[in-house]
Amino acid sequence: MGKVYACPGSCHGVVTEEEYKEGKKTCSAESCNFHGMPLEPRDQCDDCTQKSAEDGKSHVCEDCE
C-alpha cells in the first residue's frame, strides 16, 4: 500500500505523497463539488490502485491476493 491524497468529492482526484508535499493540498478540479477543499490521506493498493475508504483501512480484491 502506498500513501496518496484523494478528493472525497465527485472528481475522485488523487495526488501522490510527493505532489502533496510540493503543495497540491486541495482539489483543483473546477467541476468538482469539493473544488478548493483539502485532499484526504488514503492508502492506495500498489496493484489495483483501489483506495481505502479511510486512512489505514485495507481492502480485499482478487488481483491483490
PDB file of N, CA and C in Angstrom:
ATOM      1  N   MET A   1       0.834  -1.176   0.000  1.00  0.00           N
ATOM      2  CA  MET A   1       0.000   0.000   0.000  1.00  0.00           C
ATOM      3  C   MET A   1       0.882   1.244   0.000  1.00  0.00           C
ATOM      4  N   GLY A   2       0.494   2.196  -0.815  1.00  0.00           N
ATOM      5  CA  GLY A   2       1.210   3.455  -0.869  1.00  0.00           C
ATOM      6  C   GLY A   2       0.324   4.585  -0.370  1.00  0.00           C
ATOM      7  N   LYS A   3       0.919   5.629   0.147  1.00  0.00           N
ATOM      8  CA  LYS A   3       0.178   6.780   0.658  1.00  0.00           C
ATOM      9  C   LYS A   3      -0.137   7.724  -0.496  1.00  0.00           C
ATOM     10  N   VAL A   4      -1.395   8.114  -0.620  1.00  0.00           N
ATOM     11  CA  VAL A   4      -1.838   9.113  -1.590  1.00  0.00           C
ATOM     12  C   VAL A   4      -2.780  10.072  -0.870  1.00  0.00           C
ATOM     13  N   TYR A   5      -3.153  11.124  -1.548  1.00  0.00           N
ATOM     14  CA  TYR A   5      -4.127  12.080  -1.033  1.00  0.00           C
ATOM     15  C   TYR A   5      -5.228  12.185  -2.067  1.00  0.00           C
ATOM     16  N   ALA A   6      -6.466  11.957  -1.632  1.00  0.00           N
ATOM     17  CA  ALA A   6      -7.583  11.852  -2.557  1.00  0.00           C
ATOM     18  C   ALA A   6      -8.671  12.872  -2.253  1.00  0.00           C
ATOM     19  N   CYS A   7      -9.353  13.262  -3.310  1.00  0.00           N
ATOM     20  CA  CYS A   7     -10.508  14.138  -3.161  1.00  0.00           C
ATOM     21  C   CYS A   7     -11.727  13.264  -2.868  1.00  0.00           C
ATOM     22  N   PRO A   8     -12.462  13.562  -1.800  1.00  0.00           N
ATOM     23  CA  PRO A   8     -13.656  12.793  -1.485  1.00  0.00           C
ATOM     24  C   PRO A   8     -14.864  13.225  -2.325  1.00  0.00           C
ATOM     25  N   GLY A   9     -14.666  14.222  -3.167  1.00  0.00           N
ATOM     26  CA  GLY A   9     -15.757  14.756  -3.974  1.00  0.00           C
ATOM     27  C   GLY A   9     -15.992  13.991  -5.258  1.00  0.00           C
ATOM     28  N   SER A  10     -16.718  14.597  -6.161  1.00  0.00           N
ATOM     29  CA  SER A  10     -17.165  13.941  -7.381  1.00  0.00           C
ATOM     30  C   SER A  10     -16.044  13.619  -8.364  1.00  0.00           C
ATOM     31  N   CYS A  11     -14.906  14.309  -8.296  1.00  0.00           N
ATOM     32  CA  CYS A  11     -13.820  14.037  -9.256  1.00  0.00           C
ATOM     33  C   CYS A  11     -12.969  12.841  -8.862  1.00  0.00           C
ATOM     34  N   HIS A  12     -12.927  12.506  -7.577  1.00  0.00           N
ATOM     35  CA  HIS A  12     -12.115  11.396  -7.062  1.00  0.00           C
ATOM     36  C   HIS A  12     -10.642  11.538  -7.442  1.00  0.00           C
ATOM     37  N   GLY A  13     -10.179  12.779  -7.561  1.00  0.00           N
ATOM     38  CA  GLY A  13      -8.787  13.033  -7.919  1.00  0.00           C
ATOM     39  C   GLY A  13      -7.817  12.518  -6.868  1.00  0.00           C
ATOM     40  N   VAL A  14      -6.612  12.181  -7.311  1.00  0.00           N
ATOM     41  CA  VAL A  14      -5.581  11.623  -6.434  1.00  0.00           C
ATOM     42  C   VAL A  14      -4.251  12.291  -6.744  1.00  0.00           C
ATOM     43  N   VAL A  15      -3.502  12.638  -5.703  1.00  0.00           N
ATOM     44  CA  VAL A  15      -2.131  13.100  -5.868  1.00  0.00           C
ATOM     45  C   VAL A  15      -1.229  12.212  -5.011  1.00  0.00           C
ATOM     46  N   THR A  16       0.018  12.090  -5.432  1.00  0.00           N
ATOM     47  CA  THR A  16       0.974  11.291  -4.690  1.00  0.00           C
ATOM     48  C   THR A  16       1.412  12.045  -3.443  1.00  0.00           C
ATOM     49  N   GLU A  17       2.067  11.343  -2.551  1.00  0.00           N
ATOM     50  CA  GLU A  17       2.584  11.981  -1.344  1.00  0.00           C
ATOM     51  C   GLU A  17       3.598  13.066  -1.705  1.00  0.00           C
ATOM     52  N   GLU A  18       4.400  12.808  -2.730  1.00  0.00           N
ATOM     53  CA  GLU A  18       5.392  13.791  -3.183  1.00  0.00           C
ATOM     54  C   GLU A  18       4.700  15.052  -3.703  1.00  0.00           C
ATOM     55  N   GLU A  19       3.649  14.893  -4.523  1.00  0.00           N
ATOM     56  CA  GLU A  19       2.908  16.040  -5.048  1.00  0.00           C
ATOM     57  C   GLU A  19       2.260  16.833  -3.905  1.00  0.00           C
ATOM     58  N   TYR A  20       1.743  16.103  -2.920  1.00  0.00           N
ATOM     59  CA  TYR A  20       1.121  16.747  -1.766  1.00  0.00           C
ATOM     60  C   TYR A  20       2.140  17.607  -1.020  1.00  0.00           C
ATOM     61  N   LYS A  21       3.329  17.055  -0.809  1.00  0.00           N
ATOM     62  CA  LYS A  21       4.385  17.788  -0.105  1.00  0.00           C
ATOM     63  C   LYS A  21       4.857  18.995  -0.902  1.00  0.00           C
ATOM     64  N   GLU A  22       4.692  18.941  -2.238  1.00  0.00           N
ATOM     65  CA  GLU A  22       5.087  20.057  -3.100  1.00  0.00           C
ATOM     66  C   GLU A  22       4.020  21.145  -3.152  1.00  0.00           C
ATOM     67  N   GLY A  23       2.876  20.921  -2.490  1.00  0.00           N
ATOM     68  CA  GLY A  23       1.876  21.977  -2.405  1.00  0.00           C
ATOM     69  C   GLY A  23       0.497  21.670  -2.949  1.00  0.00           C
ATOM     70  N   LYS A  24       0.300  20.523  -3.575  1.00  0.00           N
ATOM     71  CA  LYS A  24      -1.025  20.170  -4.112  1.00  0.00           C
ATOM     72  C   LYS A  24      -1.861  19.590  -2.969  1.00  0.00           C
ATOM     73  N   LYS A  25      -2.492  20.469  -2.200  1.00  0.00           N
ATOM     74  CA  LYS A  25      -3.190  20.044  -0.992  1.00  0.00           C
ATOM     75  C   LYS A  25      -4.701  20.188  -1.065  1.00  0.00           C
ATOM     76  N   THR A  26      -5.194  20.772  -2.148  1.00  0.00           N
ATOM     77  CA  THR A  26      -6.641  20.937  -2.303  1.00  0.00           C
ATOM     78  C   THR A  26      -7.068  20.466  -3.687  1.00  0.00           C
ATOM     79  N   CYS A  27      -8.354  20.195  -3.838  1.00  0.00           N
ATOM     80  CA  CYS A  27      -8.893  19.764  -5.126  1.00  0.00           C
ATOM     81  C   CYS A  27      -8.824  20.924  -6.104  1.00  0.00           C
ATOM     82  N   SER A  28      -8.286  20.676  -7.282  1.00  0.00           N
ATOM     83  CA  SER A  28      -8.155  21.731  -8.279  1.00  0.00           C
ATOM     84  C   SER A  28      -9.122  21.568  -9.446  1.00  0.00           C
ATOM     85  N   ALA A  29      -9.972  20.541  -9.413  1.00  0.00           N
ATOM     86  CA  ALA A  29     -10.932  20.322 -10.498  1.00  0.00           C
ATOM     87  C   ALA A  29     -12.111  21.276 -10.342  1.00  0.00           C
ATOM     88  N   GLU A  30     -12.220  22.233 -11.247  1.00  0.00           N
ATOM     89  CA  GLU A  30     -13.264  23.248 -11.137  1.00  0.00           C
ATOM     90  C   GLU A  30     -14.674  22.669 -11.183  1.00  0.00           C
ATOM     91  N   SER A  31     -14.857  21.533 -11.832  1.00  0.00           N
ATOM     92  CA  SER A  31     -16.185  20.936 -11.943  1.00  0.00           C
ATOM     93  C   SER A  31     -16.546  20.072 -10.730  1.00  0.00           C
ATOM     94  N   CYS A  32     -15.614  19.888  -9.808  1.00  0.00           N
ATOM     95  CA  CYS A  32     -15.834  19.020  -8.641  1.00  0.00           C
ATOM     96  C   CYS A  32     -16.594  19.769  -7.550  1.00  0.00           C
ATOM     97  N   ASN A  33     -17.471  19.053  -6.869  1.00  0.00           N
ATOM     98  CA  ASN A  33     -18.223  19.669  -5.768  1.00  0.00           C
ATOM     99  C   ASN A  33     -17.340  19.930  -4.543  1.00  0.00           C
ATOM    100  N   PHE A  34     -16.095  19.462  -4.538  1.00  0.00           N
ATOM    101  CA  PHE A  34     -15.147  19.713  -3.449  1.00  0.00           C
ATOM    102  C   PHE A  34     -14.008  20.625  -3.909  1.00  0.00           C
ATOM    103  N   HIS A  35     -14.205  21.344  -5.013  1.00  0.00           N
ATOM    104  CA  HIS A  35     -13.170  22.240  -5.541  1.00  0.00           C
ATOM    105  C   HIS A  35     -12.670  23.175  -4.438  1.00  0.00           C
ATOM    106  N   GLY A  36     -11.344  23.212  -4.259  1.00  0.00           N
ATOM    107  CA  GLY A  36     -10.734  24.071  -3.253  1.00  0.00           C
ATOM    108  C   GLY A  36     -10.693  23.489  -1.847  1.00  0.00           C
ATOM    109  N   MET A  37     -11.309  22.344  -1.657  1.00  0.00           N
ATOM    110  CA  MET A  37     -11.335  21.705  -0.343  1.00  0.00           C
ATOM    111  C   MET A  37     -10.092  20.831  -0.170  1.00  0.00           C
ATOM    112  N   PRO A  38      -9.677  20.571   1.079  1.00  0.00           N
ATOM    113  CA  PRO A  38      -8.473  19.770   1.328  1.00  0.00           C
ATOM    114  C   PRO A  38      -8.617  18.317   0.862  1.00  0.00           C
ATOM    115  N   LEU A  39      -7.511  17.789   0.332  1.00  0.00           N
ATOM    116  CA  LEU A  39      -7.445  16.367  -0.019  1.00  0.00           C
ATOM    117  C   LEU A  39      -7.281  15.563   1.264  1.00  0.00           C
ATOM    118  N   GLU A  40      -7.735  14.319   1.236  1.00  0.00           N
ATOM    119  CA  GLU A  40      -7.675  13.467   2.424  1.00  0.00           C
ATOM    120  C   GLU A  40      -6.667  12.341   2.232  1.00  0.00           C
ATOM    121  N   PRO A  41      -5.891  12.013   3.277  1.00  0.00           N
ATOM    122  CA  PRO A  41      -4.909  10.927   3.162  1.00  0.00           C
ATOM    123  C   PRO A  41      -5.603   9.581   3.004  1.00  0.00           C
ATOM    124  N   ARG A  42      -5.048   8.766   2.133  1.00  0.00           N
ATOM    125  CA  ARG A  42      -5.562   7.412   1.892  1.00  0.00           C
ATOM    126  C   ARG A  42      -4.388   6.492   1.611  1.00  0.00           C
ATOM    127  N   ASP A  43      -4.592   5.214   1.865  1.00  0.00           N
ATOM    128  CA  ASP A  43      -3.655   4.203   1.414  1.00  0.00           C
ATOM    129  C   ASP A  43      -4.202   3.677   0.101  1.00  0.00           C
ATOM    130  N   GLN A  44      -3.323   3.500  -0.891  1.00  0.00           N
ATOM    131  CA  GLN A  44      -3.750   3.016  -2.200  1.00  0.00           C
ATOM    132  C   GLN A  44      -3.002   1.742  -2.523  1.00  0.00           C
ATOM    133  N   CYS A  45      -3.717   0.740  -2.971  1.00  0.00           N
ATOM    134  CA  CYS A  45      -3.118  -0.536  -3.355  1.00  0.00           C
ATOM    135  C   CYS A  45      -2.162  -0.314  -4.521  1.00  0.00           C
ATOM    136  N   ASP A  46      -0.962  -0.846  -4.416  1.00  0.00           N
ATOM    137  CA  ASP A  46       0.019  -0.702  -5.479  1.00  0.00           C
ATOM    138  C   ASP A  46      -0.345  -1.520  -6.713  1.00  0.00           C
ATOM    139  N   ASP A  47      -1.169  -2.554  -6.548  1.00  0.00           N
ATOM    140  CA  ASP A  47      -1.507  -3.427  -7.662  1.00  0.00           C
ATOM    141  C   ASP A  47      -2.753  -2.988  -8.428  1.00  0.00           C
ATOM    142  N   CYS A  48      -3.800  -2.589  -7.717  1.00  0.00           N
ATOM    143  CA  CYS A  48      -5.062  -2.291  -8.409  1.00  0.00           C
ATOM    144  C   CYS A  48      -5.470  -0.832  -8.301  1.00  0.00           C
ATOM    145  N   THR A  49      -4.740  -0.032  -7.570  1.00  0.00           N
ATOM    146  CA  THR A  49      -4.979   1.397  -7.342  1.00  0.00           C
ATOM    147  C   THR A  49      -6.287   1.699  -6.604  1.00  0.00           C
ATOM    148  N   GLN A  50      -6.889   0.692  -5.991  1.00  0.00           N
ATOM    149  CA  GLN A  50      -8.078   0.957  -5.174  1.00  0.00           C
ATOM    150  C   GLN A  50      -7.646   1.685  -3.915  1.00  0.00           C
ATOM    151  N   LYS A  51      -8.378   2.719  -3.536  1.00  0.00           N
ATOM    152  CA  LYS A  51      -8.060   3.489  -2.341  1.00  0.00           C
ATOM    153  C   LYS A  51      -8.892   2.985  -1.173  1.00  0.00           C
ATOM    154  N   SER A  52      -8.323   3.037   0.011  1.00  0.00           N
ATOM    155  CA  SER A  52      -9.058   2.645   1.203  1.00  0.00           C
ATOM    156  C   SER A  52     -10.146   3.664   1.488  1.00  0.00           C
ATOM    157  N   ALA A  53     -11.209   3.221   2.135  1.00  0.00           N
ATOM    158  CA  ALA A  53     -12.299   4.124   2.487  1.00  0.00           C
ATOM    159  C   ALA A  53     -11.856   5.121   3.544  1.00  0.00           C
ATOM    160  N   GLU A  54     -10.973   4.691   4.432  1.00  0.00           N
ATOM    161  CA  GLU A  54     -10.427   5.562   5.463  1.00  0.00           C
ATOM    162  C   GLU A  54      -8.936   5.298   5.561  1.00  0.00           C
ATOM    163  N   ASP A  55      -8.195   6.297   5.968  1.00  0.00           N
ATOM    164  CA  ASP A  55      -6.754   6.159   6.103  1.00  0.00           C
ATOM    165  C   ASP A  55      -6.436   4.970   7.006  1.00  0.00           C
ATOM    166  N   GLY A  56      -5.586   4.080   6.525  1.00  0.00           N
ATOM    167  CA  GLY A  56      -5.167   2.941   7.326  1.00  0.00           C
ATOM    168  C   GLY A  56      -6.021   1.694   7.167  1.00  0.00           C
ATOM    169  N   LYS A  57      -7.156   1.790   6.499  1.00  0.00           N
ATOM    170  CA  LYS A  57      -8.013   0.620   6.307  1.00  0.00           C
ATOM    171  C   LYS A  57      -7.588  -0.075   5.021  1.00  0.00           C
ATOM    172  N   SER A  58      -7.583  -1.402   5.040  1.00  0.00           N
ATOM    173  CA  SER A  58      -7.178  -2.145   3.850  1.00  0.00           C
ATOM    174  C   SER A  58      -8.408  -2.657   3.118  1.00  0.00           C
ATOM    175  N   HIS A  59      -8.178  -3.224   1.956  1.00  0.00           N
ATOM    176  CA  HIS A  59      -9.254  -3.787   1.157  1.00  0.00           C
ATOM    177  C   HIS A  59      -8.852  -5.175   0.707  1.00  0.00           C
ATOM    178  N   VAL A  60      -9.790  -5.903   0.154  1.00  0.00           N
ATOM    179  CA  VAL A  60      -9.514  -7.234  -0.379  1.00  0.00           C
ATOM    180  C   VAL A  60     -10.000  -7.246  -1.821  1.00  0.00           C
ATOM    181  N   CYS A  61      -9.136  -7.623  -2.731  1.00  0.00           N
ATOM    182  CA  CYS A  61      -9.554  -7.777  -4.127  1.00  0.00           C
ATOM    183  C   CYS A  61      -8.827  -8.978  -4.710  1.00  0.00           C
ATOM    184  N   GLU A  62      -9.417  -9.588  -5.710  1.00  0.00           N
ATOM    185  CA  GLU A  62      -8.854 -10.802  -6.300  1.00  0.00           C
ATOM    186  C   GLU A  62      -7.474 -10.576  -6.895  1.00  0.00           C
ATOM    187  N   ASP A  63      -7.264  -9.412  -7.508  1.00  0.00           N
ATOM    188  CA  ASP A  63      -5.975  -9.132  -8.155  1.00  0.00           C
ATOM    189  C   ASP A  63      -4.828  -9.011  -7.174  1.00  0.00           C
ATOM    190  N   CYS A  64      -5.125  -8.665  -5.939  1.00  0.00           N
ATOM    191  CA  CYS A  64      -4.071  -8.376  -4.965  1.00  0.00           C
ATOM    192  C   CYS A  64      -3.721  -9.577  -4.093  1.00  0.00           C
ATOM    193  N   GLU A  65      -4.539 -10.588  -4.095  1.00  0.00           N
ATOM    194  CA  GLU A  65      -4.277 -11.725  -3.203  1.00  0.00           C
ATOM    195  C   GLU A  65      -3.248 -12.669  -3.754  1.00  0.00           C
TER     196      GLU A  65
END
